[in-house]
Protein backbone atom coordinates (compact mmCIF):
# COMPACT_ATOMS: atom_id res chain seq x y z
CA VAL A 1 50.53 34.82 2.87
CA GLY A 2 48.85 34.77 6.34
CA ILE A 3 50.98 37.62 7.67
CA SER A 4 50.00 39.92 4.80
CA PHE A 5 46.60 40.63 6.31
CA PRO A 6 47.75 41.73 9.75
CA LEU A 7 50.40 43.78 8.14
CA THR A 8 47.92 45.49 5.97
CA LEU A 9 45.65 46.23 8.93
CA LEU A 10 48.74 47.56 10.92
CA ALA A 11 49.62 49.91 7.96
CA CYS A 12 46.03 51.22 7.83
CA LEU A 13 45.80 51.97 11.54
CA PRO A 14 46.92 55.58 11.19
CA LEU A 15 43.86 56.16 8.95
CA VAL A 16 41.41 54.92 11.43
CA PRO A 17 40.13 57.69 13.76
CA GLU A 18 39.85 57.24 17.51
CA THR A 19 36.37 56.51 18.76
CA PRO A 20 34.37 59.58 19.74
CA ARG A 21 33.34 58.03 23.08
CA TRP A 22 37.00 57.58 24.06
CA LEU A 23 37.83 61.20 23.05
CA PHE A 24 35.03 62.61 25.07
CA GLU A 25 36.08 60.53 28.16
CA HIS A 26 39.54 62.05 27.76
CA HIS A 27 38.22 65.66 27.37
CA ARG A 28 39.19 65.93 23.74
CA ASP A 29 35.80 67.28 22.73
CA HIS A 30 36.79 69.06 19.62
CA ASP A 31 38.40 65.96 18.10
CA ALA A 32 35.31 63.85 19.10
CA VAL A 33 33.00 66.21 17.27
CA GLU A 34 35.09 66.27 14.17
CA VAL A 35 35.19 62.45 14.05
CA LEU A 36 31.31 62.41 14.30
CA LYS A 37 31.04 65.01 11.53
CA ARG A 38 33.19 62.81 9.20
CA MET A 39 31.19 59.72 10.17
CA HIS A 40 27.87 61.32 9.50
CA LYS A 41 28.68 63.55 6.69
CA ASN A 42 25.55 64.07 4.59
CA PRO A 43 24.77 66.68 1.90
CA HIS A 44 21.22 66.88 3.29
CA ASP A 45 22.63 67.97 6.66
CA PRO A 46 25.15 70.65 5.78
CA LYS A 47 25.13 71.95 9.51
CA HIS A 48 25.96 68.56 10.83
CA LEU A 49 22.91 68.57 13.15
CA TYR A 50 22.73 64.81 13.43
CA ALA A 51 26.38 64.59 14.44
CA LEU A 52 26.05 67.41 16.95
CA ASP A 53 22.98 65.78 18.45
CA GLU A 54 24.88 62.52 18.80
CA ALA A 55 27.86 64.41 20.25
CA ALA A 56 25.73 65.98 22.94
CA GLN A 57 24.39 62.66 23.92
CA ILE A 58 27.79 60.93 24.00
CA ARG A 59 29.26 63.73 26.03
CA GLY A 60 26.42 63.76 28.59
CA GLN A 61 26.86 60.03 28.97
CA ALA A 62 30.58 60.33 29.37
CA GLU A 63 30.28 62.80 32.11
CA MET A 64 27.93 60.38 34.02
CA ASP A 65 30.30 57.36 33.38
CA ARG A 66 33.17 59.09 35.03
CA SER A 67 31.33 58.96 38.31
CA LEU A 68 30.51 55.20 38.05
CA ASP A 69 32.67 52.32 39.27
CA GLY A 70 34.52 50.78 36.38
CA SER A 71 36.28 47.92 38.28
CA TRP A 72 35.72 44.19 37.95
CA GLY A 73 33.90 44.15 41.24
CA ALA A 74 31.32 46.36 39.83
CA ILE A 75 30.22 43.66 37.44
CA PHE A 76 29.47 41.29 40.29
CA ALA A 77 27.98 43.82 42.64
CA LYS A 78 25.03 44.83 40.45
CA ARG A 79 22.35 42.35 39.38
CA SER A 80 21.81 43.83 35.96
CA TYR A 81 25.58 43.70 35.30
CA ARG A 82 25.76 40.07 36.34
CA TRP A 83 22.85 39.35 33.99
CA ARG A 84 24.64 41.04 31.23
CA ALA A 85 27.73 39.01 31.78
CA LEU A 86 25.68 35.80 31.69
CA LEU A 87 24.12 36.89 28.35
CA ILE A 88 27.62 37.54 26.86
CA ILE A 89 28.73 34.15 28.12
CA LEU A 90 25.61 32.56 26.48
CA VAL A 91 26.18 34.21 23.15
CA ALA A 92 29.91 33.45 23.13
CA THR A 93 29.13 29.82 23.94
CA ALA A 94 26.43 29.53 21.39
CA GLY A 95 28.76 30.68 18.65
CA GLN A 96 31.61 28.20 19.43
CA CYS A 97 29.28 25.30 20.17
CA THR A 98 27.93 25.44 16.70
CA GLY A 99 30.91 23.23 16.13
CA ILE A 100 32.91 25.79 14.18
CA GLN A 101 36.25 24.92 15.81
CA ALA A 102 35.72 21.24 15.00
CA VAL A 103 34.99 21.98 11.33
CA THR A 104 37.71 24.58 10.91
CA ASN A 105 40.58 22.70 12.62
CA PHE A 106 39.64 19.18 11.66
CA GLY A 107 37.99 19.62 8.23
CA PRO A 108 40.27 17.14 6.44
CA SER A 109 39.34 14.49 9.02
CA LEU A 110 35.65 15.09 8.55
CA TYR A 111 36.14 14.82 4.72
CA ALA A 112 38.16 11.59 5.29
CA ALA A 113 35.29 10.26 7.23
CA MET A 114 33.10 10.83 4.17
CA GLY A 115 35.56 8.76 2.08
CA TYR A 116 37.51 11.55 0.22
CA ASP A 117 41.24 11.18 -0.46
CA SER A 118 43.92 13.56 0.75
CA GLU A 119 43.85 15.76 -2.34
CA ASP A 120 40.15 16.18 -2.28
CA GLN A 121 40.23 16.91 1.44
CA LEU A 122 42.60 19.84 1.03
CA LEU A 123 40.58 21.22 -2.01
CA LEU A 124 37.24 20.96 -0.18
CA ALA A 125 38.76 22.52 2.94
CA ALA A 126 40.27 25.38 0.80
CA GLY A 127 36.86 25.96 -0.90
CA TRP A 128 35.17 25.99 2.54
CA ILE A 129 37.56 28.67 3.80
CA THR A 130 37.11 30.82 0.65
CA VAL A 131 33.31 30.81 1.13
CA ALA A 132 33.86 31.81 4.80
CA ALA A 133 36.05 34.70 3.90
CA PHE A 134 33.38 36.60 2.01
CA GLU A 135 30.20 35.97 4.12
CA PRO A 136 31.01 38.21 7.14
CA TYR A 137 30.76 41.25 4.82
CA VAL A 138 27.17 40.24 3.98
CA MET A 139 26.40 39.73 7.66
CA MET A 140 27.65 43.22 8.54
CA LEU A 141 25.38 44.68 5.93
CA ILE A 142 22.22 43.04 7.11
CA MET A 143 22.93 43.04 10.94
CA ASP A 144 21.39 46.47 11.58
CA ARG A 145 18.40 45.66 9.39
CA VAL A 146 17.53 42.17 10.67
CA GLY A 147 18.70 42.58 14.23
CA ARG A 148 21.17 40.74 16.45
CA LYS A 149 18.77 38.28 18.04
CA PRO A 150 17.22 36.68 14.95
CA LEU A 151 20.70 36.14 13.51
CA LEU A 152 22.03 34.68 16.74
CA VAL A 153 19.06 32.30 17.30
CA GLY A 154 19.00 31.49 13.52
CA ALA A 155 22.66 30.48 13.57
CA SER A 156 22.17 27.93 16.31
CA ALA A 157 19.06 26.58 14.65
CA ILE A 158 20.81 26.27 11.29
CA SER A 159 23.62 24.48 13.03
CA VAL A 160 21.10 21.89 14.45
CA VAL A 161 19.59 21.27 10.96
CA THR A 162 22.80 21.19 8.92
CA LEU A 163 24.73 18.98 11.33
CA GLY A 164 21.77 16.70 11.75
CA ILE A 165 21.51 16.09 8.02
CA LEU A 166 25.30 16.00 7.72
CA ALA A 167 25.46 13.28 10.38
CA ALA A 168 22.84 11.20 8.64
CA LEU A 169 24.51 11.47 5.25
CA THR A 170 27.91 10.69 6.80
CA LYS A 171 26.45 7.57 8.49
CA TYR A 172 24.83 6.09 5.35
CA TYR A 173 27.14 7.35 2.62
CA GLY A 174 30.53 8.06 4.27
CA THR A 175 32.06 4.79 3.55
CA SER A 176 29.95 3.91 0.53
CA ASP A 177 30.58 4.36 -3.14
CA ASN A 178 27.58 6.63 -3.49
CA GLN A 179 29.07 9.83 -4.78
CA SER A 180 25.71 11.65 -4.66
CA GLY A 181 25.44 11.11 -0.99
CA LYS A 182 29.03 12.30 -0.31
CA GLN A 183 28.48 15.41 -2.42
CA ALA A 184 25.31 16.12 -0.49
CA ALA A 185 27.27 15.80 2.75
CA VAL A 186 29.87 18.31 1.59
CA ALA A 187 27.05 20.66 0.50
CA PHE A 188 25.64 20.70 3.98
CA LEU A 189 29.07 21.15 5.48
CA TYR A 190 29.21 24.34 3.29
CA LEU A 191 25.78 25.44 4.43
CA PHE A 192 26.87 24.99 7.91
CA ILE A 193 29.40 27.84 7.62
CA VAL A 194 26.51 30.07 6.45
CA GLY A 195 24.77 29.26 9.74
CA TYR A 196 27.84 30.02 11.81
CA LEU A 197 28.56 33.30 10.04
CA LEU A 198 25.10 34.50 10.88
CA CYS A 199 26.21 34.67 14.43
CA GLU A 200 29.85 35.66 14.15
CA ALA A 201 29.40 39.39 13.32
CA PRO A 202 26.36 40.02 15.50
CA GLY A 203 27.91 37.84 18.26
CA TYR A 204 30.96 40.04 18.58
CA VAL A 205 28.92 43.29 18.30
CA TYR A 206 26.49 42.10 20.95
CA MET A 207 29.27 41.18 23.41
CA GLY A 208 30.73 44.72 22.92
CA GLU A 209 27.58 46.73 23.36
CA VAL A 210 25.50 45.36 26.19
CA PHE A 211 27.82 46.77 28.93
CA PRO A 212 28.05 50.62 29.53
CA THR A 213 31.13 52.45 28.34
CA HIS A 214 32.91 52.38 31.68
CA LEU A 215 32.62 48.48 31.70
CA ARG A 216 32.54 47.78 28.02
CA SER A 217 36.13 46.55 27.71
CA LYS A 218 35.62 44.15 30.64
CA GLY A 219 32.36 42.79 29.11
CA ALA A 220 34.10 42.23 25.85
CA ALA A 221 36.98 40.44 27.71
CA ILE A 222 34.44 38.14 29.37
CA GLY A 223 33.16 37.22 25.87
CA ILE A 224 36.61 36.60 24.39
CA MET A 225 37.60 34.54 27.42
CA THR A 226 34.50 32.44 27.01
CA ILE A 227 35.21 31.98 23.24
CA ASN A 228 38.70 30.73 24.03
CA LEU A 229 37.69 28.36 26.79
CA ASN A 230 35.18 26.74 24.52
CA ALA A 231 37.57 26.69 21.63
CA THR A 232 40.12 24.98 23.87
CA TRP A 233 37.88 21.98 24.94
CA ILE A 234 36.38 21.61 21.52
CA THR A 235 39.86 21.57 19.85
CA TYR A 236 41.24 18.96 22.33
CA ALA A 237 38.08 16.79 22.39
CA THR A 238 37.39 16.65 18.63
CA PRO A 239 40.16 14.17 17.49
CA THR A 240 39.00 11.71 20.11
CA GLY A 241 35.34 12.37 19.38
CA ILE A 242 35.75 11.82 15.67
CA ALA A 243 37.80 8.51 16.30
CA LYS A 244 35.39 7.17 18.97
CA LEU A 245 32.01 8.46 17.89
CA GLY A 246 32.32 9.08 14.15
CA TRP A 247 29.09 10.72 12.73
CA LYS A 248 27.60 10.68 16.29
CA TYR A 249 30.02 13.34 17.20
CA TYR A 250 28.05 15.88 15.31
CA MET A 251 25.10 15.26 17.76
CA VAL A 252 27.16 16.81 20.59
CA PHE A 253 26.95 20.24 18.84
CA MET A 254 23.47 19.64 17.69
CA THR A 255 22.33 19.23 21.26
CA ILE A 256 24.14 22.22 22.52
CA SER A 257 23.15 24.44 19.70
CA GLY A 258 19.52 23.41 20.22
CA VAL A 259 19.59 24.38 23.87
CA CYS A 260 21.43 27.63 23.06
CA ALA A 261 18.81 28.60 20.50
CA ILE A 262 15.96 28.05 22.77
CA VAL A 263 17.58 29.89 25.67
CA MET A 264 18.61 32.91 23.53
CA GLN A 265 15.07 33.19 22.11
CA PHE A 266 13.62 33.69 25.52
CA THR A 267 16.40 35.66 27.34
CA ILE A 268 18.49 37.97 25.11
CA PRO A 269 17.01 41.45 24.38
CA GLU A 270 17.31 42.92 20.91
CA THR A 271 19.76 45.90 20.71
CA LYS A 272 19.27 46.75 17.07
CA GLN A 273 19.44 50.54 16.35
CA VAL A 274 19.60 51.40 20.08
CA PRO A 275 22.33 54.00 20.84
CA LEU A 276 25.07 52.68 23.20
CA GLU A 277 24.14 55.42 25.56
CA GLU A 278 20.65 53.90 25.90
CA ILE A 279 21.48 50.27 26.22
CA ALA A 280 21.15 50.55 29.93
CA LEU A 281 17.24 51.25 29.54
CA ILE A 282 16.95 47.76 28.11
CA PHE A 283 18.15 46.34 31.37
CA GLY A 284 16.22 48.66 33.60
CA ASP A 285 19.13 50.83 34.61
CA THR A 286 17.38 54.24 33.93
CA ASP A 287 19.57 55.94 36.48
CA GLU A 288 22.66 55.26 34.28
CA VAL A 289 21.48 57.02 31.12
CA GLY A 290 22.84 60.64 30.99
CA THR A 291 20.77 61.76 28.00
CA ARG A 292 18.34 60.15 25.66
CA LYS A 293 18.63 60.69 21.91
CA GLU A 294 15.41 62.76 21.57
CA GLU A 295 16.44 64.88 24.49
CA SER A 296 20.04 65.58 23.55
CA SER A 297 19.27 68.38 21.09
CA ASN A 298 17.19 70.24 23.62
CA LEU A 299 19.61 70.16 26.51
CA PRO A 300 20.14 73.18 28.73
CA VAL A 301 23.61 74.48 28.88
CA GLN A 302 25.61 72.05 30.93
CA GLY A 303 29.48 72.23 30.75
CA ASN A 304 30.20 72.10 27.03
CA VAL A 305 26.78 71.26 25.73
CA SER A 306 24.78 74.15 24.19
CA PRO A 307 20.98 74.23 24.15
CA ALA A 308 21.07 74.35 20.28
CA GLY A 309 22.62 70.99 20.07
CA GLY A 310 26.08 72.34 19.40
CA VAL A 311 29.14 71.46 21.51
CA LEU A 312 31.27 74.15 23.16
CA VAL A 313 34.99 73.55 23.37
CA GLY A 314 36.36 76.28 25.58
CA ASP A 315 34.73 79.43 24.07
CA GLU A 316 34.21 77.94 20.66
CA LYS A 317 30.95 76.37 19.57
CA ILE A 318 31.23 73.60 17.08
CA THR A 319 28.25 73.82 14.65
């Protein structure tokens, strides 16, 4: 069953278009414009003006990025890049330190601590995973409306509240015969996943968008590395933590999540509805922005960009 999803994704890959930014970087301007036209197809915009405006901006930025240093050393050489790397590490750490790895990998042990038998442990874990499977779609729909920052901070805050109540319920009702107390504990364990999923989608998006195109893959790699490092220590520490600390083990993640929520509230900038080509402005790197959105449709002829907002590929103008 598990392999069916990766195989489905693999089978659908030929249907997924290459990203316009990559196409522009590799001088495939015509293909890039066609992808943007399909992405922004709108009956109210028959001439594809919005797509052409975005194409002009992306192409202008791609030309600038080719002249910039894309090595690992560049990340450590510039202060704003170092700061972006730290923000990525913070966001990645906050997501993992909600305790998601502990709950996902050791859910049956947590249910056992509440007094449930083996059959109930498996049923509750299956229900928890089923809930988790659908929620990311909701998060993707609201992420660009609510913003990344409120969701990221809110996820850590919800983790503090749900784990705190869960710890108290486990302490007082985990080994008792009070079924209402145990059911309440399970309910808050389910609410916990709602909190984590608030940060999952925006967390990955944030890690992938704060660096400029020529360093974006390296910025994302820093985030994935941080996720795996945190997942490793949490996975190894959790069995011992549950055995030695019991309900108090929840307090480890409560504390870290509380600190992360406060730090993110005062440090991470919002990137909602900011074009990737203009993210640098948020971090003060005005010299790394090739073209702003409001300027791209009024550009003078530069290379393959026409003053009317169209894109020239050889002698052909894409309109």
